[in-house]
Structures are given as C-alpha cells and as structure tokens.
C-alpha cells in the first residue's frame, strides 16, 4: 500500500481501511460506495473506506483472495489470505474481537519498522 500524503497517521488509516475491505464478504452491484450484500458491519466498512478515498476494487485487484476463514463458535474473528505481487508472500487480513485478534499477533508495525509485541 502506497503511503498517501499526510504522514504516518494517513498511511496507518489507509492500511486499516485496506484490511476492512479485504477481510470482507460484501459485494457491490451498484458501485463501490453501495455494497449490496454482506453484514451491516461489512457494508459499513466498505462505505467508510470509499468515503475516506480508498478504492475497494483496486485493493481487491492488487491482493486477490486465496482463502477465507469465517467467524465460528469459539472463534470471534474472520481471516482472509491474499496473494501479493511476490508469489512467495501472502497478505493476511483479520478483523474481529480485539482480544482474539491481538492474541494472533507477535509483532506490530510503526514508523521505524516491525517491533515485537510485549
């Protein structure tokens, strides 16, 4: 994801919007700002991304969906896996219960790079 003008906060917002778009089953028949199916939460994530200037179709084209793991009893998060330009790499997008999502993480990104969660 290219960093938009506005520094770290704008870049982080674009990454967050990208995850909300990629980890999402909503599709649109009426244009990118009008998701036609999916949960109300998923529709709201798409609408938010569009209103913030993010292009859901471009993100989905750049990172094709490879697999989806839906929420299930005892797992309160959704995970999608996406192809990247480098065929050896994958992008994993996760949304859901913050405690469960955080438990999946070992590192985080900041302006200096990757750091270990403590």
PDB file of N, CA and C in Angstrom:
ATOM      1  N   UNK A   1       0.853  -1.184   0.000  1.00  0.00           N
ATOM      2  CA  UNK A   1       0.000   0.000   0.000  1.00  0.00           C
ATOM      3  C   UNK A   1       0.884   1.226   0.000  1.00  0.00           C
ATOM      4  N   UNK A   2       0.708   2.057  -0.961  1.00  0.00           N
ATOM      5  CA  UNK A   2       1.496   3.277  -1.045  1.00  0.00           C
ATOM      6  C   UNK A   2       1.059   4.242   0.042  1.00  0.00           C
ATOM      7  N   UNK A   3       2.033   4.928   0.628  1.00  0.00           N
ATOM      8  CA  UNK A   3       1.734   5.887   1.684  1.00  0.00           C
ATOM      9  C   UNK A   3       1.133   7.149   1.079  1.00  0.00           C
ATOM     10  N   UNK A   4      -0.078   7.536   1.490  1.00  0.00           N
ATOM     11  CA  UNK A   4      -0.671   8.768   0.982  1.00  0.00           C
ATOM     12  C   UNK A   4      -0.036   9.969   1.664  1.00  0.00           C
ATOM     13  N   UNK A   5      -0.282  11.150   1.106  1.00  0.00           N
ATOM     14  CA  UNK A   5       0.195  12.371   1.735  1.00  0.00           C
ATOM     15  C   UNK A   5      -0.405  12.471   3.126  1.00  0.00           C
ATOM     16  N   UNK A   6       0.344  13.004   4.055  1.00  0.00           N
ATOM     17  CA  UNK A   6      -0.185  13.201   5.397  1.00  0.00           C
ATOM     18  C   UNK A   6       0.564  12.445   6.463  1.00  0.00           C
ATOM     19  N   UNK A   7       1.559  11.682   6.093  1.00  0.00           N
ATOM     20  CA  UNK A   7       2.424  11.058   7.091  1.00  0.00           C
ATOM     21  C   UNK A   7       1.932   9.726   7.604  1.00  0.00           C
ATOM     22  N   UNK A   8       2.479   9.357   8.769  1.00  0.00           N
ATOM     23  CA  UNK A   8       2.226   8.041   9.351  1.00  0.00           C
ATOM     24  C   UNK A   8       0.755   7.790   9.651  1.00  0.00           C
ATOM     25  N   UNK A   9       0.050   8.775  10.181  1.00  0.00           N
ATOM     26  CA  UNK A   9      -1.358   8.565  10.537  1.00  0.00           C
ATOM     27  C   UNK A   9      -2.193   8.276   9.298  1.00  0.00           C
ATOM     28  N   UNK A  10      -1.940   8.984   8.211  1.00  0.00           N
ATOM     29  CA  UNK A  10      -2.689   8.746   6.970  1.00  0.00           C
ATOM     30  C   UNK A  10      -2.354   7.372   6.406  1.00  0.00           C
ATOM     31  N   UNK A  11      -1.087   6.988   6.463  1.00  0.00           N
ATOM     32  CA  UNK A  11      -0.680   5.668   5.966  1.00  0.00           C
ATOM     33  C   UNK A  11      -1.327   4.574   6.801  1.00  0.00           C
ATOM     34  N   UNK A  12      -1.317   4.739   8.118  1.00  0.00           N
ATOM     35  CA  UNK A  12      -1.928   3.744   9.001  1.00  0.00           C
ATOM     36  C   UNK A  12      -3.424   3.633   8.756  1.00  0.00           C
ATOM     37  N   UNK A  13      -4.084   4.764   8.528  1.00  0.00           N
ATOM     38  CA  UNK A  13      -5.518   4.745   8.232  1.00  0.00           C
ATOM     39  C   UNK A  13      -5.777   3.985   6.932  1.00  0.00           C
ATOM     40  N   UNK A  14      -4.969   4.210   5.916  1.00  0.00           N
ATOM     41  CA  UNK A  14      -5.148   3.501   4.652  1.00  0.00           C
ATOM     42  C   UNK A  14      -4.950   1.995   4.836  1.00  0.00           C
ATOM     43  N   UNK A  15      -3.990   1.590   5.654  1.00  0.00           N
ATOM     44  CA  UNK A  15      -3.790   0.165   5.928  1.00  0.00           C
ATOM     45  C   UNK A  15      -4.999  -0.419   6.646  1.00  0.00           C
ATOM     46  N   UNK A  16      -5.527   0.307   7.608  1.00  0.00           N
ATOM     47  CA  UNK A  16      -6.709  -0.154   8.332  1.00  0.00           C
ATOM     48  C   UNK A  16      -7.901  -0.291   7.387  1.00  0.00           C
ATOM     49  N   UNK A  17      -8.102   0.690   6.525  1.00  0.00           N
ATOM     50  CA  UNK A  17      -9.191   0.627   5.552  1.00  0.00           C
ATOM     51  C   UNK A  17      -8.992  -0.549   4.602  1.00  0.00           C
ATOM     52  N   UNK A  18      -7.750  -0.791   4.212  1.00  0.00           N
ATOM     53  CA  UNK A  18      -7.456  -1.907   3.314  1.00  0.00           C
ATOM     54  C   UNK A  18      -7.829  -3.236   3.961  1.00  0.00           C
ATOM     55  N   UNK A  19      -7.499  -3.427   5.225  1.00  0.00           N
ATOM     56  CA  UNK A  19      -7.876  -4.656   5.928  1.00  0.00           C
ATOM     57  C   UNK A  19      -9.392  -4.777   5.982  1.00  0.00           C
ATOM     58  N   UNK A  20     -10.083  -3.670   6.279  1.00  0.00           N
ATOM     59  CA  UNK A  20     -11.538  -3.692   6.322  1.00  0.00           C
ATOM     60  C   UNK A  20     -12.171  -4.055   4.993  1.00  0.00           C
ATOM     61  N   UNK A  21     -11.533  -3.695   3.900  1.00  0.00           N
ATOM     62  CA  UNK A  21     -12.019  -4.023   2.554  1.00  0.00           C
ATOM     63  C   UNK A  21     -11.682  -5.467   2.192  1.00  0.00           C
ATOM     64  N   UNK A  22     -10.456  -5.887   2.476  1.00  0.00           N
ATOM     65  CA  UNK A  22     -10.028  -7.220   2.072  1.00  0.00           C
ATOM     66  C   UNK A  22     -10.662  -8.318   2.920  1.00  0.00           C
ATOM     67  N   UNK A  23     -10.800  -8.087   4.201  1.00  0.00           N
ATOM     68  CA  UNK A  23     -11.398  -9.071   5.107  1.00  0.00           C
ATOM     69  C   UNK A  23     -12.898  -8.784   5.174  1.00  0.00           C
ATOM     70  N   UNK A  24     -13.579  -9.018   4.058  1.00  0.00           N
ATOM     71  CA  UNK A  24     -14.942  -8.545   3.906  1.00  0.00           C
ATOM     72  C   UNK A  24     -15.609  -9.327   2.781  1.00  0.00           C
ATOM     73  N   UNK A  25     -16.818  -9.781   3.014  1.00  0.00           N
ATOM     74  CA  UNK A  25     -17.547 -10.541   2.001  1.00  0.00           C
ATOM     75  C   UNK A  25     -18.564  -9.706   1.233  1.00  0.00           C
ATOM     76  N   UNK A  26     -18.689  -8.424   1.548  1.00  0.00           N
ATOM     77  CA  UNK A  26     -19.640  -7.574   0.823  1.00  0.00           C
ATOM     78  C   UNK A  26     -19.223  -7.423  -0.619  1.00  0.00           C
ATOM     79  N   UNK A  27     -20.197  -7.484  -1.485  1.00  0.00           N
ATOM     80  CA  UNK A  27     -20.002  -7.229  -2.906  1.00  0.00           C
ATOM     81  C   UNK A  27     -20.921  -6.084  -3.279  1.00  0.00           C
ATOM     82  N   UNK A  28     -20.653  -5.466  -4.400  1.00  0.00           N
ATOM     83  CA  UNK A  28     -21.461  -4.331  -4.816  1.00  0.00           C
ATOM     84  C   UNK A  28     -21.993  -4.541  -6.219  1.00  0.00           C
ATOM     85  N   UNK A  29     -23.267  -4.303  -6.379  1.00  0.00           N
ATOM     86  CA  UNK A  29     -23.869  -4.324  -7.709  1.00  0.00           C
ATOM     87  C   UNK A  29     -24.135  -2.911  -8.206  1.00  0.00           C
ATOM     88  N   UNK A  30     -24.084  -1.938  -7.293  1.00  0.00           N
ATOM     89  CA  UNK A  30     -24.437  -0.571  -7.666  1.00  0.00           C
ATOM     90  C   UNK A  30     -23.276   0.394  -7.597  1.00  0.00           C
ATOM     91  N   UNK A  31     -22.071  -0.074  -7.509  1.00  0.00           N
ATOM     92  CA  UNK A  31     -20.899   0.795  -7.399  1.00  0.00           C
ATOM     93  C   UNK A  31     -20.209   0.569  -6.075  1.00  0.00           C
ATOM     94  N   UNK A  32     -18.954   0.989  -5.962  1.00  0.00           N
ATOM     95  CA  UNK A  32     -18.166   0.684  -4.772  1.00  0.00           C
ATOM     96  C   UNK A  32     -18.689   1.312  -3.490  1.00  0.00           C
ATOM     97  N   UNK A  33     -19.467   2.368  -3.593  1.00  0.00           N
ATOM     98  CA  UNK A  33     -19.975   3.006  -2.381  1.00  0.00           C
ATOM     99  C   UNK A  33     -21.321   2.445  -1.951  1.00  0.00           C
ATOM    100  N   UNK A  34     -21.837   1.450  -2.679  1.00  0.00           N
ATOM    101  CA  UNK A  34     -23.144   0.878  -2.373  1.00  0.00           C
ATOM    102  C   UNK A  34     -23.062  -0.638  -2.280  1.00  0.00           C
ATOM    103  N   UNK A  35     -22.432  -1.156  -1.190  1.00  0.00           N
ATOM    104  CA  UNK A  35     -22.379  -2.617  -1.076  1.00  0.00           C
ATOM    105  C   UNK A  35     -23.789  -3.191  -1.020  1.00  0.00           C
ATOM    106  N   UNK A  36     -23.994  -4.307  -1.722  1.00  0.00           N
ATOM    107  CA  UNK A  36     -25.343  -4.834  -1.860  1.00  0.00           C
ATOM    108  C   UNK A  36     -25.608  -6.062  -1.005  1.00  0.00           C
ATOM    109  N   UNK A  37     -24.579  -6.644  -0.442  1.00  0.00           N
ATOM    110  CA  UNK A  37     -24.790  -7.795   0.419  1.00  0.00           C
ATOM    111  C   UNK A  37     -23.720  -7.808   1.501  1.00  0.00           C
ATOM    112  N   UNK A  38     -23.754  -8.810   2.343  1.00  0.00           N
ATOM    113  CA  UNK A  38     -22.846  -8.849   3.483  1.00  0.00           C
ATOM    114  C   UNK A  38     -23.523  -8.269   4.701  1.00  0.00           C
ATOM    115  N   UNK A  39     -22.892  -8.431   5.836  1.00  0.00           N
ATOM    116  CA  UNK A  39     -23.469  -7.930   7.081  1.00  0.00           C
ATOM    117  C   UNK A  39     -23.463  -6.404   7.097  1.00  0.00           C
ATOM    118  N   UNK A  40     -24.231  -5.841   8.008  1.00  0.00           N
ATOM    119  CA  UNK A  40     -24.262  -4.381   8.150  1.00  0.00           C
ATOM    120  C   UNK A  40     -22.868  -3.855   8.487  1.00  0.00           C
ATOM    121  N   UNK A  41     -22.120  -4.588   9.305  1.00  0.00           N
ATOM    122  CA  UNK A  41     -20.762  -4.173   9.656  1.00  0.00           C
ATOM    123  C   UNK A  41     -19.872  -4.167   8.420  1.00  0.00           C
ATOM    124  N   UNK A  42     -19.947  -5.212   7.613  1.00  0.00           N
ATOM    125  CA  UNK A  42     -19.121  -5.272   6.403  1.00  0.00           C
ATOM    126  C   UNK A  42     -19.506  -4.172   5.420  1.00  0.00           C
ATOM    127  N   UNK A  43     -20.795  -3.922   5.264  1.00  0.00           N
ATOM    128  CA  UNK A  43     -21.229  -2.838   4.388  1.00  0.00           C
ATOM    129  C   UNK A  43     -20.708  -1.495   4.894  1.00  0.00           C
ATOM    130  N   UNK A  44     -20.737  -1.302   6.223  1.00  0.00           N
ATOM    131  CA  UNK A  44     -20.246  -0.050   6.795  1.00  0.00           C
ATOM    132  C   UNK A  44     -18.741   0.113   6.583  1.00  0.00           C
ATOM    133  N   UNK A  45     -17.978  -0.976   6.664  1.00  0.00           N
ATOM    134  CA  UNK A  45     -16.534  -0.898   6.432  1.00  0.00           C
ATOM    135  C   UNK A  45     -16.226  -0.491   4.992  1.00  0.00           C
ATOM    136  N   UNK A  46     -16.970  -1.019   4.040  1.00  0.00           N
ATOM    137  CA  UNK A  46     -16.779  -0.635   2.637  1.00  0.00           C
ATOM    138  C   UNK A  46     -17.150   0.830   2.439  1.00  0.00           C
ATOM    139  N   UNK A  47     -18.290   1.242   2.976  1.00  0.00           N
ATOM    140  CA  UNK A  47     -18.728   2.636   2.833  1.00  0.00           C
ATOM    141  C   UNK A  47     -17.716   3.592   3.471  1.00  0.00           C
ATOM    142  N   UNK A  48     -17.185   3.242   4.629  1.00  0.00           N
ATOM    143  CA  UNK A  48     -16.172   4.066   5.292  1.00  0.00           C
ATOM    144  C   UNK A  48     -14.937   4.197   4.411  1.00  0.00           C
ATOM    145  N   UNK A  49     -14.471   3.083   3.861  1.00  0.00           N
ATOM    146  CA  UNK A  49     -13.283   3.113   3.012  1.00  0.00           C
ATOM    147  C   UNK A  49     -13.494   4.033   1.810  1.00  0.00           C
ATOM    148  N   UNK A  50     -14.644   3.907   1.169  1.00  0.00           N
ATOM    149  CA  UNK A  50     -14.931   4.737  -0.006  1.00  0.00           C
ATOM    150  C   UNK A  50     -14.979   6.206   0.390  1.00  0.00           C
ATOM    151  N   UNK A  51     -15.643   6.508   1.483  1.00  0.00           N
ATOM    152  CA  UNK A  51     -15.754   7.915   1.921  1.00  0.00           C
ATOM    153  C   UNK A  51     -14.398   8.502   2.291  1.00  0.00           C
ATOM    154  N   UNK A  52     -13.450   7.643   2.690  1.00  0.00           N
ATOM    155  CA  UNK A  52     -12.107   8.103   3.042  1.00  0.00           C
ATOM    156  C   UNK A  52     -11.176   8.129   1.832  1.00  0.00           C
ATOM    157  N   UNK A  53     -11.730   7.856   0.645  1.00  0.00           N
ATOM    158  CA  UNK A  53     -10.939   7.932  -0.570  1.00  0.00           C
ATOM    159  C   UNK A  53     -10.233   6.645  -0.961  1.00  0.00           C
ATOM    160  N   UNK A  54     -10.545   5.551  -0.283  1.00  0.00           N
ATOM    161  CA  UNK A  54      -9.940   4.255  -0.602  1.00  0.00           C
ATOM    162  C   UNK A  54     -10.742   3.591  -1.710  1.00  0.00           C
ATOM    163  N   UNK A  55     -10.071   2.895  -2.604  1.00  0.00           N
ATOM    164  CA  UNK A  55     -10.726   2.222  -3.721  1.00  0.00           C
ATOM    165  C   UNK A  55     -10.784   0.723  -3.446  1.00  0.00           C
ATOM    166  N   UNK A  56     -11.929   0.195  -2.974  1.00  0.00           N
ATOM    167  CA  UNK A  56     -12.036  -1.225  -2.662  1.00  0.00           C
ATOM    168  C   UNK A  56     -11.707  -2.128  -3.851  1.00  0.00           C
ATOM    169  N   UNK A  57     -12.156  -1.777  -5.029  1.00  0.00           N
ATOM    170  CA  UNK A  57     -11.897  -2.615  -6.202  1.00  0.00           C
ATOM    171  C   UNK A  57     -10.401  -2.701  -6.496  1.00  0.00           C
ATOM    172  N   UNK A  58      -9.693  -1.600  -6.324  1.00  0.00           N
ATOM    173  CA  UNK A  58      -8.247  -1.601  -6.572  1.00  0.00           C
ATOM    174  C   UNK A  58      -7.529  -2.470  -5.551  1.00  0.00           C
ATOM    175  N   UNK A  59      -7.924  -2.395  -4.278  1.00  0.00           N
ATOM    176  CA  UNK A  59      -7.300  -3.245  -3.252  1.00  0.00           C
ATOM    177  C   UNK A  59      -7.554  -4.714  -3.539  1.00  0.00           C
ATOM    178  N   UNK A  60      -8.783  -5.033  -3.907  1.00  0.00           N
ATOM    179  CA  UNK A  60      -9.127  -6.426  -4.184  1.00  0.00           C
ATOM    180  C   UNK A  60      -8.408  -6.937  -5.433  1.00  0.00           C
ATOM    181  N   UNK A  61      -8.194  -6.071  -6.407  1.00  0.00           N
ATOM    182  CA  UNK A  61      -7.456  -6.483  -7.609  1.00  0.00           C
ATOM    183  C   UNK A  61      -5.967  -6.668  -7.300  1.00  0.00           C
ATOM    184  N   UNK A  62      -5.417  -5.805  -6.448  1.00  0.00           N
ATOM    185  CA  UNK A  62      -3.992  -5.881  -6.112  1.00  0.00           C
ATOM    186  C   UNK A  62      -3.672  -7.069  -5.213  1.00  0.00           C
ATOM    187  N   UNK A  63      -4.655  -7.494  -4.416  1.00  0.00           N
ATOM    188  CA  UNK A  63      -4.452  -8.585  -3.456  1.00  0.00           C
ATOM    189  C   UNK A  63      -5.577  -9.614  -3.619  1.00  0.00           C
ATOM    190  N   UNK A  64      -5.502 -10.447  -4.652  1.00  0.00           N
ATOM    191  CA  UNK A  64      -6.575 -11.426  -4.907  1.00  0.00           C
ATOM    192  C   UNK A  64      -6.782 -12.381  -3.726  1.00  0.00           C
ATOM    193  N   UNK A  65      -8.037 -12.667  -3.451  1.00  0.00           N
ATOM    194  CA  UNK A  65      -8.408 -13.552  -2.348  1.00  0.00           C
ATOM    195  C   UNK A  65      -8.009 -14.995  -2.659  1.00  0.00           C
ATOM    196  N   UNK A  66      -7.303 -15.614  -1.717  1.00  0.00           N
ATOM    197  CA  UNK A  66      -6.921 -17.019  -1.840  1.00  0.00           C
ATOM    198  C   UNK A  66      -7.762 -17.918  -0.951  1.00  0.00           C
ATOM    199  N   UNK A  67      -8.060 -17.461   0.272  1.00  0.00           N
ATOM    200  CA  UNK A  67      -8.870 -18.268   1.180  1.00  0.00           C
ATOM    201  C   UNK A  67      -9.530 -17.380   2.227  1.00  0.00           C
ATOM    202  N   UNK A  68     -10.613 -17.917   2.798  1.00  0.00           N
ATOM    203  CA  UNK A  68     -11.377 -17.206   3.823  1.00  0.00           C
ATOM    204  C   UNK A  68     -11.664 -18.155   4.973  1.00  0.00           C
ATOM    205  N   UNK A  69     -11.478 -17.684   6.175  1.00  0.00           N
ATOM    206  CA  UNK A  69     -11.866 -18.414   7.391  1.00  0.00           C
ATOM    207  C   UNK A  69     -12.866 -17.520   8.121  1.00  0.00           C
ATOM    208  N   UNK A  70     -14.136 -17.923   8.103  1.00  0.00           N
ATOM    209  CA  UNK A  70     -15.195 -17.120   8.696  1.00  0.00           C
ATOM    210  C   UNK A  70     -15.222 -17.253  10.209  1.00  0.00           C
ATOM    211  N   UNK A  71     -15.911 -16.319  10.852  1.00  0.00           N
ATOM    212  CA  UNK A  71     -16.172 -16.447  12.288  1.00  0.00           C
ATOM    213  C   UNK A  71     -16.880 -17.767  12.536  1.00  0.00           C
ATOM    214  N   UNK A  72     -16.651 -18.323  13.693  1.00  0.00           N
ATOM    215  CA  UNK A  72     -17.305 -19.581  14.061  1.00  0.00           C
ATOM    216  C   UNK A  72     -17.434 -19.613  15.578  1.00  0.00           C
ATOM    217  N   UNK A  73     -18.207 -20.540  16.063  1.00  0.00           N
ATOM    218  CA  UNK A  73     -18.342 -20.665  17.509  1.00  0.00           C
ATOM    219  C   UNK A  73     -16.961 -20.883  18.114  1.00  0.00           C
ATOM    220  N   UNK A  74     -16.626 -20.067  19.102  1.00  0.00           N
ATOM    221  CA  UNK A  74     -15.323 -20.161  19.747  1.00  0.00           C
ATOM    222  C   UNK A  74     -14.213 -19.422  19.007  1.00  0.00           C
ATOM    223  N   UNK A  75     -14.516 -18.826  17.855  1.00  0.00           N
ATOM    224  CA  UNK A  75     -13.535 -18.035  17.095  1.00  0.00           C
ATOM    225  C   UNK A  75     -14.256 -16.785  16.617  1.00  0.00           C
ATOM    226  N   UNK A  76     -14.023 -15.696  17.328  1.00  0.00           N
ATOM    227  CA  UNK A  76     -14.742 -14.458  17.050  1.00  0.00           C
ATOM    228  C   UNK A  76     -13.936 -13.510  16.172  1.00  0.00           C
ATOM    229  N   UNK A  77     -13.393 -14.054  15.106  1.00  0.00           N
ATOM    230  CA  UNK A  77     -12.703 -13.228  14.121  1.00  0.00           C
ATOM    231  C   UNK A  77     -12.832 -13.888  12.754  1.00  0.00           C
ATOM    232  N   UNK A  78     -12.597 -13.083  11.735  1.00  0.00           N
ATOM    233  CA  UNK A  78     -12.578 -13.564  10.356  1.00  0.00           C
ATOM    234  C   UNK A  78     -11.173 -13.319   9.828  1.00  0.00           C
ATOM    235  N   UNK A  79     -10.677 -14.255   9.007  1.00  0.00           N
ATOM    236  CA  UNK A  79      -9.336 -14.121   8.437  1.00  0.00           C
ATOM    237  C   UNK A  79      -9.415 -14.417   6.939  1.00  0.00           C
ATOM    238  N   UNK A  80      -8.766 -13.573   6.145  1.00  0.00           N
ATOM    239  CA  UNK A  80      -8.646 -13.829   4.718  1.00  0.00           C
ATOM    240  C   UNK A  80      -7.167 -13.816   4.344  1.00  0.00           C
ATOM    241  N   UNK A  81      -6.815 -14.624   3.367  1.00  0.00           N
ATOM    242  CA  UNK A  81      -5.441 -14.694   2.875  1.00  0.00           C
ATOM    243  C   UNK A  81      -5.458 -14.245   1.419  1.00  0.00           C
ATOM    244  N   UNK A  82      -4.491 -13.400   1.067  1.00  0.00           N
ATOM    245  CA  UNK A  82      -4.458 -12.773  -0.252  1.00  0.00           C
ATOM    246  C   UNK A  82      -3.088 -12.927  -0.898  1.00  0.00           C
ATOM    247  N   UNK A  83      -3.091 -13.064  -2.222  1.00  0.00           N
ATOM    248  CA  UNK A  83      -1.850 -13.105  -2.998  1.00  0.00           C
ATOM    249  C   UNK A  83      -1.244 -11.702  -3.040  1.00  0.00           C
ATOM    250  N   UNK A  84       0.067 -11.668  -3.213  1.00  0.00           N
ATOM    251  CA  UNK A  84       0.791 -10.413  -3.410  1.00  0.00           C
ATOM    252  C   UNK A  84       1.581 -10.509  -4.710  1.00  0.00           C
ATOM    253  N   UNK A  85       2.175  -9.409  -5.118  1.00  0.00           N
ATOM    254  CA  UNK A  85       2.970  -9.402  -6.346  1.00  0.00           C
ATOM    255  C   UNK A  85       4.104 -10.425  -6.265  1.00  0.00           C
ATOM    256  N   UNK A  86       4.715 -10.551  -5.105  1.00  0.00           N
ATOM    257  CA  UNK A  86       5.752 -11.571  -4.880  1.00  0.00           C
ATOM    258  C   UNK A  86       5.022 -12.870  -4.565  1.00  0.00           C
ATOM    259  N   UNK A  87       5.091 -13.876  -5.442  1.00  0.00           N
ATOM    260  CA  UNK A  87       4.323 -15.108  -5.223  1.00  0.00           C
ATOM    261  C   UNK A  87       4.715 -15.874  -3.969  1.00  0.00           C
ATOM    262  N   UNK A  88       5.845 -15.555  -3.372  1.00  0.00           N
ATOM    263  CA  UNK A  88       6.270 -16.234  -2.148  1.00  0.00           C
ATOM    264  C   UNK A  88       5.667 -15.589  -0.898  1.00  0.00           C
ATOM    265  N   UNK A  89       5.008 -14.451  -1.068  1.00  0.00           N
ATOM    266  CA  UNK A  89       4.449 -13.732   0.088  1.00  0.00           C
ATOM    267  C   UNK A  89       2.929 -13.760   0.058  1.00  0.00           C
ATOM    268  N   UNK A  90       2.316 -13.643   1.229  1.00  0.00           N
ATOM    269  CA  UNK A  90       0.870 -13.567   1.378  1.00  0.00           C
ATOM    270  C   UNK A  90       0.532 -12.405   2.304  1.00  0.00           C
ATOM    271  N   UNK A  91      -0.618 -11.804   2.085  1.00  0.00           N
ATOM    272  CA  UNK A  91      -1.147 -10.798   2.984  1.00  0.00           C
ATOM    273  C   UNK A  91      -2.296 -11.458   3.734  1.00  0.00           C
ATOM    274  N   UNK A  92      -2.267 -11.406   5.055  1.00  0.00           N
ATOM    275  CA  UNK A  92      -3.331 -11.968   5.882  1.00  0.00           C
ATOM    276  C   UNK A  92      -4.066 -10.791   6.521  1.00  0.00           C
ATOM    277  N   UNK A  93      -5.368 -10.719   6.290  1.00  0.00           N
ATOM    278  CA  UNK A  93      -6.216  -9.671   6.854  1.00  0.00           C
ATOM    279  C   UNK A  93      -7.140 -10.309   7.884  1.00  0.00           C
ATOM    280  N   UNK A  94      -7.224  -9.693   9.070  1.00  0.00           N
ATOM    281  CA  UNK A  94      -8.028 -10.239  10.164  1.00  0.00           C
ATOM    282  C   UNK A  94      -8.852  -9.115  10.766  1.00  0.00           C
ATOM    283  N   UNK A  95     -10.113  -9.424  11.077  1.00  0.00           N
ATOM    284  CA  UNK A  95     -10.970  -8.483  11.819  1.00  0.00           C
ATOM    285  C   UNK A  95     -11.802  -9.280  12.798  1.00  0.00           C
ATOM    286  N   UNK A  96     -12.139  -8.654  13.923  1.00  0.00           N
ATOM    287  CA  UNK A  96     -12.987  -9.328  14.887  1.00  0.00           C
ATOM    288  C   UNK A  96     -12.741  -8.864  16.301  1.00  0.00           C
ATOM    289  N   UNK A  97     -13.001  -9.752  17.241  1.00  0.00           N
ATOM    290  CA  UNK A  97     -12.834  -9.465  18.658  1.00  0.00           C
ATOM    291  C   UNK A  97     -11.394  -9.021  18.917  1.00  0.00           C
ATOM    292  N   UNK A  98     -11.198  -7.813  19.450  1.00  0.00           N
ATOM    293  CA  UNK A  98      -9.832  -7.302  19.630  1.00  0.00           C
ATOM    294  C   UNK A  98      -8.926  -8.225  20.444  1.00  0.00           C
ATOM    295  N   UNK A  99      -9.434  -8.820  21.517  1.00  0.00           N
ATOM    296  CA  UNK A  99      -8.592  -9.708  22.329  1.00  0.00           C
ATOM    297  C   UNK A  99      -8.140 -10.924  21.529  1.00  0.00           C
ATOM    298  N   UNK A 100      -9.035 -11.496  20.729  1.00  0.00           N
ATOM    299  CA  UNK A 100      -8.682 -12.668  19.936  1.00  0.00           C
ATOM    300  C   UNK A 100      -7.752 -12.310  18.782  1.00  0.00           C
ATOM    301  N   UNK A 101      -7.986 -11.165  18.162  1.00  0.00           N
ATOM    302  CA  UNK A 101      -7.110 -10.734  17.070  1.00  0.00           C
ATOM    303  C   UNK A 101      -5.712 -10.441  17.623  1.00  0.00           C
ATOM    304  N   UNK A 102      -5.635  -9.728  18.719  1.00  0.00           N
ATOM    305  CA  UNK A 102      -4.335  -9.409  19.320  1.00  0.00           C
ATOM    306  C   UNK A 102      -3.581 -10.673  19.718  1.00  0.00           C
ATOM    307  N   UNK A 103      -4.286 -11.694  20.173  1.00  0.00           N
ATOM    308  CA  UNK A 103      -3.636 -12.951  20.561  1.00  0.00           C
ATOM    309  C   UNK A 103      -2.979 -13.647  19.361  1.00  0.00           C
ATOM    310  N   UNK A 104      -3.398 -13.318  18.154  1.00  0.00           N
ATOM    311  CA  UNK A 104      -2.801 -13.889  16.948  1.00  0.00           C
ATOM    312  C   UNK A 104      -1.508 -13.179  16.547  1.00  0.00           C
ATOM    313  N   UNK A 105      -1.251 -12.038  17.157  1.00  0.00           N
ATOM    314  CA  UNK A 105      -0.153 -11.174  16.718  1.00  0.00           C
ATOM    315  C   UNK A 105       1.086 -11.336  17.595  1.00  0.00           C
ATOM    316  N   UNK A 106       2.239 -11.307  16.972  1.00  0.00           N
ATOM    317  CA  UNK A 106       3.503 -11.324  17.693  1.00  0.00           C
ATOM    318  C   UNK A 106       4.288 -10.046  17.507  1.00  0.00           C
ATOM    319  N   UNK A 107       3.977  -9.319  16.426  1.00  0.00           N
ATOM    320  CA  UNK A 107       4.700  -8.094  16.087  1.00  0.00           C
ATOM    321  C   UNK A 107       3.705  -7.017  15.684  1.00  0.00           C
ATOM    322  N   UNK A 108       4.193  -5.787  15.600  1.00  0.00           N
ATOM    323  CA  UNK A 108       3.398  -4.693  15.079  1.00  0.00           C
ATOM    324  C   UNK A 108       4.301  -3.774  14.267  1.00  0.00           C
ATOM    325  N   UNK A 109       3.695  -2.970  13.395  1.00  0.00           N
ATOM    326  CA  UNK A 109       4.430  -2.017  12.570  1.00  0.00           C
ATOM    327  C   UNK A 109       4.343  -0.644  13.195  1.00  0.00           C
ATOM    328  N   UNK A 110       5.444   0.079  13.157  1.00  0.00           N
ATOM    329  CA  UNK A 110       5.420   1.501  13.479  1.00  0.00           C
ATOM    330  C   UNK A 110       6.307   2.202  12.456  1.00  0.00           C
ATOM    331  N   UNK A 111       6.494   3.488  12.609  1.00  0.00           N
ATOM    332  CA  UNK A 111       7.267   4.235  11.636  1.00  0.00           C
ATOM    333  C   UNK A 111       8.689   3.743  11.457  1.00  0.00           C
ATOM    334  N   UNK A 112       9.227   3.033  12.436  1.00  0.00           N
ATOM    335  CA  UNK A 112      10.602   2.524  12.358  1.00  0.00           C
ATOM    336  C   UNK A 112      10.677   1.105  11.818  1.00  0.00           C
ATOM    337  N   UNK A 113       9.546   0.448  11.625  1.00  0.00           N
ATOM    338  CA  UNK A 113       9.548  -0.927  11.116  1.00  0.00           C
ATOM    339  C   UNK A 113       8.751  -1.850  12.001  1.00  0.00           C
ATOM    340  N   UNK A 114       9.140  -3.117  11.998  1.00  0.00           N
ATOM    341  CA  UNK A 114       8.435  -4.140  12.779  1.00  0.00           C
ATOM    342  C   UNK A 114       9.012  -4.205  14.185  1.00  0.00           C
ATOM    343  N   UNK A 115       8.128  -4.258  15.163  1.00  0.00           N
ATOM    344  CA  UNK A 115       8.537  -4.369  16.567  1.00  0.00           C
ATOM    345  C   UNK A 115       7.788  -5.518  17.223  1.00  0.00           C
ATOM    346  N   UNK A 116       8.418  -6.154  18.185  1.00  0.00           N
ATOM    347  CA  UNK A 116       7.840  -7.270  18.920  1.00  0.00           C
ATOM    348  C   UNK A 116       6.807  -6.740  19.911  1.00  0.00           C
ATOM    349  N   UNK A 117       5.629  -7.377  19.962  1.00  0.00           N
ATOM    350  CA  UNK A 117       4.633  -7.044  20.981  1.00  0.00           C
ATOM    351  C   UNK A 117       5.114  -7.566  22.334  1.00  0.00           C
ATOM    352  N   UNK A 118       4.918  -6.796  23.372  1.00  0.00           N
ATOM    353  CA  UNK A 118       5.273  -7.269  24.714  1.00  0.00           C
ATOM    354  C   UNK A 118       4.069  -7.199  25.637  1.00  0.00           C
TER     355      UNK A 118
END
